[in-house]
C-alpha atoms as a PDB file:
ATOM      1  CA  UNK A   1      26.702 -77.340  54.349  1.00  0.00           C
ATOM      2  CA  UNK A   2      28.287 -75.530  51.405  1.00  0.00           C
ATOM      3  CA  UNK A   3      25.203 -73.346  50.929  1.00  0.00           C
ATOM      4  CA  UNK A   4      25.071 -72.561  54.640  1.00  0.00           C
ATOM      5  CA  UNK A   5      28.709 -71.492  54.657  1.00  0.00           C
ATOM      6  CA  UNK A   6      28.190 -69.389  51.516  1.00  0.00           C
ATOM      7  CA  UNK A   7      25.170 -67.597  53.015  1.00  0.00           C
ATOM      8  CA  UNK A   8      27.133 -66.917  56.194  1.00  0.00           C
ATOM      9  CA  UNK A   9      30.016 -65.451  54.198  1.00  0.00           C
ATOM     10  CA  UNK A  10      27.661 -63.234  52.196  1.00  0.00           C
ATOM     11  CA  UNK A  11      26.271 -61.885  55.468  1.00  0.00           C
ATOM     12  CA  UNK A  12      29.796 -60.793  56.413  1.00  0.00           C
ATOM     13  CA  UNK A  13      29.999 -58.315  53.523  1.00  0.00           C
ATOM     14  CA  UNK A  14      28.237 -55.642  55.587  1.00  0.00           C
ATOM     15  CA  UNK A  15      30.534 -55.915  58.639  1.00  0.00           C
ATOM     16  CA  UNK A  16      33.541 -55.987  56.306  1.00  0.00           C
ATOM     17  CA  UNK A  17      32.328 -52.732  54.756  1.00  0.00           C
ATOM     18  CA  UNK A  18      32.251 -51.216  58.241  1.00  0.00           C
ATOM     19  CA  UNK A  19      35.814 -52.365  58.907  1.00  0.00           C
ATOM     20  CA  UNK A  20      36.926 -50.980  55.554  1.00  0.00           C
ATOM     21  CA  UNK A  21      35.308 -47.590  56.206  1.00  0.00           C
ATOM     22  CA  UNK A  22      36.885 -47.304  59.657  1.00  0.00           C
ATOM     23  CA  UNK A  23      40.331 -48.401  58.476  1.00  0.00           C
ATOM     24  CA  UNK A  24      40.357 -45.823  55.658  1.00  0.00           C
ATOM     25  CA  UNK A  25      39.448 -42.948  57.983  1.00  0.00           C
ATOM     26  CA  UNK A  26      42.041 -40.292  58.687  1.00  0.00           C
ATOM     27  CA  UNK A  27      40.915 -39.918  62.294  1.00  0.00           C
ATOM     28  CA  UNK A  28      39.501 -43.211  63.564  1.00  0.00           C
ATOM     29  CA  UNK A  29      39.652 -42.035  67.170  1.00  0.00           C
ATOM     30  CA  UNK A  30      37.106 -39.350  66.300  1.00  0.00           C
ATOM     31  CA  UNK A  31      34.435 -42.036  65.908  1.00  0.00           C
ATOM     32  CA  UNK A  32      34.971 -43.440  69.382  1.00  0.00           C
ATOM     33  CA  UNK A  33      35.340 -39.973  70.927  1.00  0.00           C
ATOM     34  CA  UNK A  34      32.077 -38.813  69.336  1.00  0.00           C
ATOM     35  CA  UNK A  35      30.160 -41.872  70.536  1.00  0.00           C
ATOM     36  CA  UNK A  36      31.668 -41.656  74.021  1.00  0.00           C
ATOM     37  CA  UNK A  37      30.749 -37.969  74.369  1.00  0.00           C
ATOM     38  CA  UNK A  38      27.095 -38.470  73.339  1.00  0.00           C
ATOM     39  CA  UNK A  39      24.519 -36.946  75.653  1.00  0.00           C
ATOM     40  CA  UNK A  40      22.699 -39.602  77.668  1.00  0.00           C
ATOM     41  CA  UNK A  41      19.222 -38.030  77.980  1.00  0.00           C
ATOM     42  CA  UNK A  42      18.300 -38.029  74.255  1.00  0.00           C
ATOM     43  CA  UNK A  43      19.643 -41.563  73.891  1.00  0.00           C
ATOM     44  CA  UNK A  44      17.518 -42.792  76.798  1.00  0.00           C
ATOM     45  CA  UNK A  45      14.427 -41.136  75.330  1.00  0.00           C
ATOM     46  CA  UNK A  46      15.166 -42.676  71.911  1.00  0.00           C
ATOM     47  CA  UNK A  47      15.527 -46.102  73.533  1.00  0.00           C
ATOM     48  CA  UNK A  48      12.222 -45.724  75.408  1.00  0.00           C
ATOM     49  CA  UNK A  49      10.463 -44.893  72.132  1.00  0.00           C
ATOM     50  CA  UNK A  50      11.216 -48.449  71.012  1.00  0.00           C
ATOM     51  CA  UNK A  51       8.411 -49.617  73.295  1.00  0.00           C
ATOM     52  CA  UNK A  52       5.938 -47.205  71.700  1.00  0.00           C
ATOM     53  CA  UNK A  53       7.065 -48.210  68.221  1.00  0.00           C
ATOM     54  CA  UNK A  54       6.646 -51.904  68.922  1.00  0.00           C
ATOM     55  CA  UNK A  55       3.217 -51.257  70.408  1.00  0.00           C
ATOM     56  CA  UNK A  56       2.117 -49.540  67.194  1.00  0.00           C
ATOM     57  CA  UNK A  57       3.281 -52.566  65.215  1.00  0.00           C
ATOM     58  CA  UNK A  58       1.422 -54.936  67.537  1.00  0.00           C
ATOM     59  CA  UNK A  59      -1.727 -52.812  67.170  1.00  0.00           C
ATOM     60  CA  UNK A  60      -1.356 -52.980  63.383  1.00  0.00           C
ATOM     61  CA  UNK A  61      -0.958 -56.766  63.460  1.00  0.00           C
ATOM     62  CA  UNK A  62      -3.947 -57.039  65.805  1.00  0.00           C
ATOM     63  CA  UNK A  63      -6.035 -55.033  63.324  1.00  0.00           C
ATOM     64  CA  UNK A  64      -5.017 -57.412  60.526  1.00  0.00           C
ATOM     65  CA  UNK A  65      -5.959 -60.409  62.677  1.00  0.00           C
ATOM     66  CA  UNK A  66      -9.322 -58.939  63.649  1.00  0.00           C
ATOM     67  CA  UNK A  67     -10.100 -58.258  60.003  1.00  0.00           C
ATOM     68  CA  UNK A  68     -10.004 -62.043  59.545  1.00  0.00           C
ATOM     69  CA  UNK A  69     -12.017 -62.716  62.686  1.00  0.00           C
ATOM     70  CA  UNK A  70      -8.971 -63.769  64.751  1.00  0.00           C
ATOM     71  CA  UNK A  71      -9.044 -62.444  68.326  1.00  0.00           C
ATOM     72  CA  UNK A  72      -5.582 -62.725  69.874  1.00  0.00           C
ATOM     73  CA  UNK A  73      -4.980 -61.411  73.423  1.00  0.00           C
ATOM     74  CA  UNK A  74      -2.863 -58.254  73.239  1.00  0.00           C
ATOM     75  CA  UNK A  75      -0.402 -59.480  75.849  1.00  0.00           C
ATOM     76  CA  UNK A  76       0.218 -62.701  73.923  1.00  0.00           C
ATOM     77  CA  UNK A  77       0.490 -60.732  70.674  1.00  0.00           C
ATOM     78  CA  UNK A  78       3.188 -58.609  72.315  1.00  0.00           C
ATOM     79  CA  UNK A  79       5.138 -61.730  73.300  1.00  0.00           C
ATOM     80  CA  UNK A  80       4.850 -63.259  69.848  1.00  0.00           C
ATOM     81  CA  UNK A  81       5.868 -60.015  68.127  1.00  0.00           C
ATOM     82  CA  UNK A  82       8.819 -59.319  70.432  1.00  0.00           C
ATOM     83  CA  UNK A  83      10.143 -62.857  70.144  1.00  0.00           C
ATOM     84  CA  UNK A  84       9.820 -62.745  66.368  1.00  0.00           C
ATOM     85  CA  UNK A  85      11.747 -59.444  66.293  1.00  0.00           C
ATOM     86  CA  UNK A  86      14.465 -60.987  68.451  1.00  0.00           C
ATOM     87  CA  UNK A  87      14.935 -63.929  66.107  1.00  0.00           C
ATOM     88  CA  UNK A  88      14.627 -61.689  63.055  1.00  0.00           C
ATOM     89  CA  UNK A  89      17.425 -59.413  64.276  1.00  0.00           C
ATOM     90  CA  UNK A  90      19.801 -62.321  64.806  1.00  0.00           C
ATOM     91  CA  UNK A  91      19.064 -64.350  61.687  1.00  0.00           C
ATOM     92  CA  UNK A  92      19.199 -63.657  57.953  1.00  0.00           C
ATOM     93  CA  UNK A  93      16.069 -62.528  56.161  1.00  0.00           C
ATOM     94  CA  UNK A  94      12.722 -62.414  57.952  1.00  0.00           C
ATOM     95  CA  UNK A  95      12.877 -65.804  59.653  1.00  0.00           C
ATOM     96  CA  UNK A  96      11.568 -64.301  62.878  1.00  0.00           C
ATOM     97  CA  UNK A  97       8.257 -63.376  61.268  1.00  0.00           C
ATOM     98  CA  UNK A  98       7.465 -67.052  60.797  1.00  0.00           C
ATOM     99  CA  UNK A  99       7.384 -67.498  64.574  1.00  0.00           C
ATOM    100  CA  UNK A 100       4.210 -65.446  64.716  1.00  0.00           C
ATOM    101  CA  UNK A 101       2.535 -67.986  62.461  1.00  0.00           C
ATOM    102  CA  UNK A 102       3.599 -70.727  64.864  1.00  0.00           C
ATOM    103  CA  UNK A 103       2.234 -68.831  67.875  1.00  0.00           C
ATOM    104  CA  UNK A 104      -1.134 -68.341  66.164  1.00  0.00           C
ATOM    105  CA  UNK A 105      -1.363 -71.998  65.171  1.00  0.00           C
ATOM    106  CA  UNK A 106      -0.389 -73.238  68.633  1.00  0.00           C
ATOM    107  CA  UNK A 107      -2.533 -70.813  70.659  1.00  0.00           C
ATOM    108  CA  UNK A 108      -5.652 -70.521  68.488  1.00  0.00           C
ATOM    109  CA  UNK A 109      -5.376 -73.269  65.893  1.00  0.00           C
ATOM    110  CA  UNK A 110      -5.168 -70.644  63.135  1.00  0.00           C
ATOM    111  CA  UNK A 111      -4.312 -72.291  59.793  1.00  0.00           C
ATOM    112  CA  UNK A 112      -0.795 -71.585  58.584  1.00  0.00           C
ATOM    113  CA  UNK A 113      -2.192 -69.948  55.452  1.00  0.00           C
ATOM    114  CA  UNK A 114      -4.254 -67.461  57.483  1.00  0.00           C
ATOM    115  CA  UNK A 115      -1.350 -66.648  59.807  1.00  0.00           C
ATOM    116  CA  UNK A 116       1.007 -66.217  56.880  1.00  0.00           C
ATOM    117  CA  UNK A 117      -1.413 -63.800  55.196  1.00  0.00           C
ATOM    118  CA  UNK A 118      -1.426 -61.456  58.204  1.00  0.00           C
ATOM    119  CA  UNK A 119       2.375 -61.559  58.481  1.00  0.00           C
ATOM    120  CA  UNK A 120       2.885 -60.918  54.761  1.00  0.00           C
ATOM    121  CA  UNK A 121       0.452 -57.997  54.767  1.00  0.00           C
ATOM    122  CA  UNK A 122       2.231 -56.670  57.872  1.00  0.00           C
ATOM    123  CA  UNK A 123       5.496 -56.700  55.884  1.00  0.00           C
ATOM    124  CA  UNK A 124       3.888 -55.232  52.761  1.00  0.00           C
ATOM    125  CA  UNK A 125       2.647 -52.236  54.731  1.00  0.00           C
ATOM    126  CA  UNK A 126       6.232 -51.614  55.829  1.00  0.00           C
ATOM    127  CA  UNK A 127       7.629 -52.065  52.330  1.00  0.00           C
ATOM    128  CA  UNK A 128       5.217 -49.733  50.565  1.00  0.00           C
ATOM    129  CA  UNK A 129       5.473 -46.956  53.139  1.00  0.00           C
ATOM    130  CA  UNK A 130       9.261 -47.341  53.230  1.00  0.00           C
ATOM    131  CA  UNK A 131       9.415 -47.169  49.416  1.00  0.00           C
ATOM    132  CA  UNK A 132       7.612 -43.806  49.517  1.00  0.00           C
ATOM    133  CA  UNK A 133      10.052 -42.388  52.062  1.00  0.00           C
ATOM    134  CA  UNK A 134      13.029 -43.794  50.148  1.00  0.00           C
ATOM    135  CA  UNK A 135      11.862 -42.156  46.919  1.00  0.00           C
ATOM    136  CA  UNK A 136      11.925 -38.796  48.698  1.00  0.00           C
ATOM    137  CA  UNK A 137      15.348 -39.576  50.161  1.00  0.00           C
ATOM    138  CA  UNK A 138      16.853 -40.592  46.827  1.00  0.00           C
ATOM    139  CA  UNK A 139      15.614 -37.354  45.276  1.00  0.00           C
ATOM    140  CA  UNK A 140      17.081 -35.436  48.216  1.00  0.00           C
ATOM    141  CA  UNK A 141      20.532 -36.992  47.832  1.00  0.00           C
ATOM    142  CA  UNK A 142      20.619 -37.103  44.057  1.00  0.00           C
ATOM    143  CA  UNK A 143      24.093 -35.572  44.184  1.00  0.00           C
ATOM    144  CA  UNK A 144      25.416 -38.685  45.942  1.00  0.00           C
ATOM    145  CA  UNK A 145      23.063 -41.315  44.529  1.00  0.00           C
ATOM    146  CA  UNK A 146      23.841 -40.702  40.867  1.00  0.00           C
ATOM    147  CA  UNK A 147      24.763 -42.668  37.766  1.00  0.00           C
ATOM    148  CA  UNK A 148      24.581 -46.450  38.061  1.00  0.00           C
ATOM    149  CA  UNK A 149      23.928 -46.182  41.796  1.00  0.00           C
ATOM    150  CA  UNK A 150      20.825 -44.102  41.099  1.00  0.00           C
ATOM    151  CA  UNK A 151      19.562 -46.646  38.549  1.00  0.00           C
ATOM    152  CA  UNK A 152      20.184 -49.425  41.062  1.00  0.00           C
ATOM    153  CA  UNK A 153      18.385 -47.560  43.832  1.00  0.00           C
ATOM    154  CA  UNK A 154      15.369 -46.617  41.722  1.00  0.00           C
ATOM    155  CA  UNK A 155      15.293 -50.180  40.425  1.00  0.00           C
ATOM    156  CA  UNK A 156      15.190 -51.446  43.999  1.00  0.00           C
ATOM    157  CA  UNK A 157      12.293 -49.127  44.787  1.00  0.00           C
ATOM    158  CA  UNK A 158      10.411 -50.284  41.690  1.00  0.00           C
ATOM    159  CA  UNK A 159      11.035 -53.929  42.585  1.00  0.00           C
ATOM    160  CA  UNK A 160       9.813 -53.306  46.129  1.00  0.00           C
ATOM    161  CA  UNK A 161       6.588 -51.819  44.800  1.00  0.00           C
ATOM    162  CA  UNK A 162       5.924 -54.182  41.899  1.00  0.00           C
ATOM    163  CA  UNK A 163       7.107 -57.594  43.154  1.00  0.00           C
ATOM    164  CA  UNK A 164       4.242 -58.131  45.656  1.00  0.00           C
ATOM    165  CA  UNK A 165       1.736 -57.531  42.841  1.00  0.00           C
ATOM    166  CA  UNK A 166       2.651 -61.008  41.573  1.00  0.00           C
ATOM    167  CA  UNK A 167       0.410 -62.303  44.355  1.00  0.00           C
ATOM    168  CA  UNK A 168      -2.556 -60.845  42.463  1.00  0.00           C
ATOM    169  CA  UNK A 169      -1.836 -62.769  39.255  1.00  0.00           C
ATOM    170  CA  UNK A 170      -4.168 -65.806  39.127  1.00  0.00           C
ATOM    171  CA  UNK A 171      -2.535 -69.139  38.397  1.00  0.00           C
ATOM    172  CA  UNK A 172       1.119 -68.137  38.818  1.00  0.00           C
ATOM    173  CA  UNK A 173       0.703 -67.104  42.442  1.00  0.00           C
ATOM    174  CA  UNK A 174      -1.171 -70.327  43.271  1.00  0.00           C
ATOM    175  CA  UNK A 175       1.562 -72.567  41.849  1.00  0.00           C
ATOM    176  CA  UNK A 176       4.394 -70.742  43.599  1.00  0.00           C
ATOM    177  CA  UNK A 177       2.664 -70.420  46.939  1.00  0.00           C
ATOM    178  CA  UNK A 178       1.533 -74.036  47.054  1.00  0.00           C
ATOM    179  CA  UNK A 179       5.142 -75.141  47.454  1.00  0.00           C
ATOM    180  CA  UNK A 180       5.892 -72.209  49.780  1.00  0.00           C
ATOM    181  CA  UNK A 181       2.987 -72.899  52.150  1.00  0.00           C
ATOM    182  CA  UNK A 182       4.022 -76.539  52.470  1.00  0.00           C
ATOM    183  CA  UNK A 183       7.537 -75.468  53.334  1.00  0.00           C
ATOM    184  CA  UNK A 184       6.277 -73.052  55.989  1.00  0.00           C
ATOM    185  CA  UNK A 185       4.088 -75.743  57.526  1.00  0.00           C
ATOM    186  CA  UNK A 186       7.056 -78.134  57.542  1.00  0.00           C
ATOM    187  CA  UNK A 187       4.755 -81.006  56.702  1.00  0.00           C
ATOM    188  CA  UNK A 188       4.965 -83.596  53.929  1.00  0.00           C
ATOM    189  CA  UNK A 189       3.477 -82.510  50.636  1.00  0.00           C
ATOM    190  CA  UNK A 190       0.598 -84.945  50.905  1.00  0.00           C
ATOM    191  CA  UNK A 191      -0.363 -83.746  54.394  1.00  0.00           C
ATOM    192  CA  UNK A 192      -0.284 -79.982  53.885  1.00  0.00           C
ATOM    193  CA  UNK A 193      -3.500 -78.115  54.542  1.00  0.00           C
ATOM    194  CA  UNK A 194      -5.952 -78.567  51.680  1.00  0.00           C
ATOM    195  CA  UNK A 195      -5.947 -75.529  49.409  1.00  0.00           C
ATOM    196  CA  UNK A 196      -3.401 -73.735  51.605  1.00  0.00           C
ATOM    197  CA  UNK A 197      -2.061 -71.593  48.763  1.00  0.00           C
ATOM    198  CA  UNK A 198      -5.525 -70.536  47.637  1.00  0.00           C
ATOM    199  CA  UNK A 199      -6.589 -69.875  51.210  1.00  0.00           C
ATOM    200  CA  UNK A 200      -3.517 -67.700  51.751  1.00  0.00           C
ATOM    201  CA  UNK A 201      -4.258 -65.654  48.629  1.00  0.00           C
ATOM    202  CA  UNK A 202      -7.895 -65.198  49.606  1.00  0.00           C
ATOM    203  CA  UNK A 203      -6.879 -64.066  53.099  1.00  0.00           C
ATOM    204  CA  UNK A 204      -4.168 -61.751  51.788  1.00  0.00           C
ATOM    205  CA  UNK A 205      -6.386 -60.138  49.170  1.00  0.00           C
ATOM    206  CA  UNK A 206      -9.098 -59.631  51.788  1.00  0.00           C
ATOM    207  CA  UNK A 207      -6.793 -57.107  53.488  1.00  0.00           C
ATOM    208  CA  UNK A 208      -6.629 -54.949  50.359  1.00  0.00           C
ATOM    209  CA  UNK A 209      -9.390 -52.430  50.858  1.00  0.00           C
ATOM    210  CA  UNK A 210     -10.853 -50.381  53.669  1.00  0.00           C
ATOM    211  CA  UNK A 211      -8.622 -52.016  56.266  1.00  0.00           C
ATOM    212  CA  UNK A 212      -5.621 -50.220  54.767  1.00  0.00           C
ATOM    213  CA  UNK A 213      -7.177 -46.917  55.841  1.00  0.00           C
ATOM    214  CA  UNK A 214      -6.084 -47.906  59.351  1.00  0.00           C
ATOM    215  CA  UNK A 215      -2.975 -50.046  58.846  1.00  0.00           C
ATOM    216  CA  UNK A 216      -1.164 -47.675  56.457  1.00  0.00           C
ATOM    217  CA  UNK A 217      -1.435 -44.589  58.723  1.00  0.00           C
ATOM    218  CA  UNK A 218      -0.262 -46.711  61.661  1.00  0.00           C
ATOM    219  CA  UNK A 219       2.680 -47.834  59.541  1.00  0.00           C
ATOM    220  CA  UNK A 220       3.523 -44.218  58.720  1.00  0.00           C
ATOM    221  CA  UNK A 221       3.411 -43.528  62.475  1.00  0.00           C
ATOM    222  CA  UNK A 222       5.856 -46.369  63.204  1.00  0.00           C
ATOM    223  CA  UNK A 223       8.331 -44.919  60.722  1.00  0.00           C
ATOM    224  CA  UNK A 224       7.719 -41.468  62.182  1.00  0.00           C
ATOM    225  CA  UNK A 225       8.726 -42.748  65.619  1.00  0.00           C
ATOM    226  CA  UNK A 226      11.824 -44.309  64.069  1.00  0.00           C
ATOM    227  CA  UNK A 227      12.778 -40.982  62.478  1.00  0.00           C
ATOM    228  CA  UNK A 228      12.245 -39.146  65.766  1.00  0.00           C
ATOM    229  CA  UNK A 229      14.619 -41.648  67.369  1.00  0.00           C
ATOM    230  CA  UNK A 230      17.207 -40.867  64.714  1.00  0.00           C
ATOM    231  CA  UNK A 231      16.766 -37.142  65.283  1.00  0.00           C
ATOM    232  CA  UNK A 232      17.296 -37.610  69.036  1.00  0.00           C
ATOM    233  CA  UNK A 233      20.439 -39.654  68.360  1.00  0.00           C
ATOM    234  CA  UNK A 234      21.774 -36.875  66.128  1.00  0.00           C
ATOM    235  CA  UNK A 235      21.083 -34.324  68.870  1.00  0.00           C
ATOM    236  CA  UNK A 236      22.840 -36.559  71.417  1.00  0.00           C
ATOM    237  CA  UNK A 237      25.929 -36.548  69.190  1.00  0.00           C
ATOM    238  CA  UNK A 238      25.765 -32.800  68.647  1.00  0.00           C
ATOM    239  CA  UNK A 239      25.194 -33.323  64.916  1.00  0.00           C
ATOM    240  CA  UNK A 240      23.149 -30.549  63.298  1.00  0.00           C
ATOM    241  CA  UNK A 241      20.862 -32.566  61.045  1.00  0.00           C
ATOM    242  CA  UNK A 242      17.358 -31.430  60.210  1.00  0.00           C
ATOM    243  CA  UNK A 243      14.478 -33.795  60.841  1.00  0.00           C
ATOM    244  CA  UNK A 244      13.952 -34.004  57.086  1.00  0.00           C
ATOM    245  CA  UNK A 245      17.558 -35.105  56.534  1.00  0.00           C
ATOM    246  CA  UNK A 246      17.260 -37.705  59.300  1.00  0.00           C
ATOM    247  CA  UNK A 247      14.077 -39.015  57.681  1.00  0.00           C
ATOM    248  CA  UNK A 248      15.750 -39.351  54.279  1.00  0.00           C
ATOM    249  CA  UNK A 249      18.905 -40.914  55.716  1.00  0.00           C
ATOM    250  CA  UNK A 250      17.142 -43.529  57.822  1.00  0.00           C
ATOM    251  CA  UNK A 251      14.650 -44.400  55.080  1.00  0.00           C
ATOM    252  CA  UNK A 252      17.423 -45.214  52.609  1.00  0.00           C
ATOM    253  CA  UNK A 253      19.430 -46.992  55.317  1.00  0.00           C
ATOM    254  CA  UNK A 254      16.398 -49.141  56.157  1.00  0.00           C
ATOM    255  CA  UNK A 255      16.042 -50.161  52.519  1.00  0.00           C
ATOM    256  CA  UNK A 256      19.755 -50.946  52.247  1.00  0.00           C
ATOM    257  CA  UNK A 257      19.429 -52.975  55.449  1.00  0.00           C
ATOM    258  CA  UNK A 258      17.122 -55.351  53.589  1.00  0.00           C
ATOM    259  CA  UNK A 259      19.972 -56.414  51.298  1.00  0.00           C
ATOM    260  CA  UNK A 260      21.114 -59.982  52.094  1.00  0.00           C
ATOM    261  CA  UNK A 261      24.699 -58.897  52.782  1.00  0.00           C
ATOM    262  CA  UNK A 262      24.357 -58.039  56.433  1.00  0.00           C
ATOM    263  CA  UNK A 263      22.289 -58.627  59.562  1.00  0.00           C
ATOM    264  CA  UNK A 264      20.245 -55.626  60.705  1.00  0.00           C
ATOM    265  CA  UNK A 265      22.103 -53.501  58.141  1.00  0.00           C
ATOM    266  CA  UNK A 266      25.408 -53.485  60.032  1.00  0.00           C
ATOM    267  CA  UNK A 267      28.131 -51.971  57.891  1.00  0.00           C
ATOM    268  CA  UNK A 268      25.855 -51.113  54.970  1.00  0.00           C
ATOM    269  CA  UNK A 269      24.230 -48.339  57.006  1.00  0.00           C
ATOM    270  CA  UNK A 270      27.542 -46.881  58.171  1.00  0.00           C
ATOM    271  CA  UNK A 271      29.039 -47.082  54.670  1.00  0.00           C
ATOM    272  CA  UNK A 272      26.117 -45.127  53.223  1.00  0.00           C
ATOM    273  CA  UNK A 273      26.274 -42.504  55.971  1.00  0.00           C
ATOM    274  CA  UNK A 274      30.028 -42.075  55.477  1.00  0.00           C
ATOM    275  CA  UNK A 275      29.325 -41.147  51.837  1.00  0.00           C
ATOM    276  CA  UNK A 276      26.395 -38.802  52.466  1.00  0.00           C
ATOM    277  CA  UNK A 277      27.486 -36.911  55.574  1.00  0.00           C
ATOM    278  CA  UNK A 278      30.332 -35.003  53.841  1.00  0.00           C
ATOM    279  CA  UNK A 279      27.759 -33.606  51.360  1.00  0.00           C
ATOM    280  CA  UNK A 280      25.860 -32.211  54.369  1.00  0.00           C
ATOM    281  CA  UNK A 281      28.873 -30.320  55.683  1.00  0.00           C
ATOM    282  CA  UNK A 282      29.757 -33.044  58.198  1.00  0.00           C
ATOM    283  CA  UNK A 283      32.472 -35.690  58.264  1.00  0.00           C
ATOM    284  CA  UNK A 284      32.498 -39.381  57.440  1.00  0.00           C
ATOM    285  CA  UNK A 285      33.405 -39.964  61.090  1.00  0.00           C
ATOM    286  CA  UNK A 286      30.144 -38.299  62.097  1.00  0.00           C
ATOM    287  CA  UNK A 287      28.279 -40.592  59.704  1.00  0.00           C
ATOM    288  CA  UNK A 288      29.814 -43.750  61.116  1.00  0.00           C
ATOM    289  CA  UNK A 289      29.214 -42.580  64.700  1.00  0.00           C
ATOM    290  CA  UNK A 290      25.572 -41.858  63.883  1.00  0.00           C
ATOM    291  CA  UNK A 291      25.135 -45.253  62.228  1.00  0.00           C
ATOM    292  CA  UNK A 292      26.674 -47.128  65.152  1.00  0.00           C
ATOM    293  CA  UNK A 293      24.416 -45.401  67.676  1.00  0.00           C
ATOM    294  CA  UNK A 294      21.340 -46.001  65.509  1.00  0.00           C
ATOM    295  CA  UNK A 295      22.244 -49.686  65.543  1.00  0.00           C
ATOM    296  CA  UNK A 296      22.857 -49.733  69.301  1.00  0.00           C
ATOM    297  CA  UNK A 297      19.828 -47.698  70.405  1.00  0.00           C
ATOM    298  CA  UNK A 298      17.211 -48.965  67.947  1.00  0.00           C
ATOM    299  CA  UNK A 299      18.336 -52.469  66.992  1.00  0.00           C
ATOM    300  CA  UNK A 300      20.321 -53.820  69.938  1.00  0.00           C
ATOM    301  CA  UNK A 301      17.748 -52.401  72.308  1.00  0.00           C
ATOM    302  CA  UNK A 302      15.013 -54.374  70.552  1.00  0.00           C
ATOM    303  CA  UNK A 303      17.197 -57.489  70.664  1.00  0.00           C
ATOM    304  CA  UNK A 304      17.466 -57.073  74.442  1.00  0.00           C
ATOM    305  CA  UNK A 305      13.677 -56.704  74.789  1.00  0.00           C
ATOM    306  CA  UNK A 306      13.163 -59.726  72.546  1.00  0.00           C
ATOM    307  CA  UNK A 307      15.591 -61.798  74.592  1.00  0.00           C
ATOM    308  CA  UNK A 308      13.560 -61.098  77.717  1.00  0.00           C
ATOM    309  CA  UNK A 309      10.374 -61.995  75.856  1.00  0.00           C
ATOM    310  CA  UNK A 310      11.960 -65.263  74.672  1.00  0.00           C
ATOM    311  CA  UNK A 311      12.735 -66.216  78.265  1.00  0.00           C
ATOM    312  CA  UNK A 312       9.262 -65.340  79.540  1.00  0.00           C
ATOM    313  CA  UNK A 313       7.328 -66.741  76.584  1.00  0.00           C
ATOM    314  CA  UNK A 314       9.489 -68.998  74.399  1.00  0.00           C
ATOM    315  CA  UNK A 315       8.178 -70.168  71.034  1.00  0.00           C
ATOM    316  CA  UNK A 316       5.760 -73.103  71.399  1.00  0.00           C
ATOM    317  CA  UNK A 317       7.287 -76.492  70.716  1.00  0.00           C
ATOM    318  CA  UNK A 318       4.293 -78.715  71.390  1.00  0.00           C
ATOM    319  CA  UNK A 319       2.505 -80.161  68.343  1.00  0.00           C
ATOM    320  CA  UNK A 320       0.124 -77.690  66.813  1.00  0.00           C
ATOM    321  CA  UNK A 321      -3.587 -78.509  67.050  1.00  0.00           C
ATOM    322  CA  UNK A 322      -5.329 -79.461  63.813  1.00  0.00           C
ATOM    323  CA  UNK A 323      -6.470 -76.512  61.766  1.00  0.00           C
ATOM    324  CA  UNK A 324     -10.205 -75.888  61.661  1.00  0.00           C
ATOM    325  CA  UNK A 325     -11.963 -76.856  58.467  1.00  0.00           C
ATOM    326  CA  UNK A 326     -12.126 -74.008  55.947  1.00  0.00           C
ATOM    327  CA  UNK A 327     -15.518 -72.325  55.769  1.00  0.00           C
END
C-alpha cells in the first residue's frame, strides 16, 4: 500500500508543475482566452489524423507479427492496439502494452515470450526514432537546454539508445528476463513457459535485420503525422511556429512525457513549453495553451477512441489456451 501511494504521489509531480506554471503567470486569463479562440477546422483535422496515426502503428505491429509467422486479423489487431493505448494513457508506465500480449495469447495461443518480443520491438522502434528527433531538438534549443539540464537531456538520450542493447548481452539478459517473463505471464515460477526468457530473446533478435527496413520508416511516418498534428494545433491558435520548431518541441516533449512523474506528460509538457516559447518570440501563456491543446487533441482523443474499443472488444478474461510447443 505504501509503495502504491508513493507511486501515485510521484505521478502528481507533473500536474503540480502545470498548476505552478499557471499560478506564476502574469496573465492567466490569456491561456483560457487563447484556447477558447482556437480555430475549429485545424483542430478537427488534427483529431482525425489520430486515426491515420494509429493505423500506421497497427500496420507496423502487424509487420512484426508476420515476421514471426503470426497472422492476426487486422480488425482484431486494431481493437487490441486501441484498448492497449486506452489503458496506457490512464495508467503509469506502459501497462497498456501488456494487454496486446494477452490478446495474442487468448486469440491465437501465441506464447507470452513471442507476444512480448513484438511489443518490445514495437516500443524500441519508437524510442530510437524519437531519440534521433530529440537530438535535433536539443541542438535547436541549446540556448534553453544548457548547463546541467543539457547534460541530463543528453544523458537521457544516451540511456534511451544504449539501455536496450543490454538485451543483446548473453547471460545477463537471460537471467533478468527469466524473472520478467514469469511476472508477465502471472504464473508460478515452476509453471512458466519452458525457456521463456531465451525464446523472447530469440524472437526479439530475429526482428533486428531486414525487417527494420519497413518498421523504421513506418515509425518515422507515425512521428511525422504527430508533428503535422502539432503544426495544425499551432495554426489553430494563431501561433507562428515553423514546422521544424513544432517537430523539435514535440519530440522533446514526448521524451519528457516518458518520465515517471506524470501520466501522458501532463504538466511536464506545458512546463517545458513555457520555458522555450519566450525564446521563440512568443509568451509562456502561448506555450501552456499549445501544450494543453496537444494533450486534448492528441491524447484525450485517443483515450476516447480506446474507451469505445474497450466497450466493443474488452480485454479477454477467459483462461488462455496452452501455448504451442516451441519448434
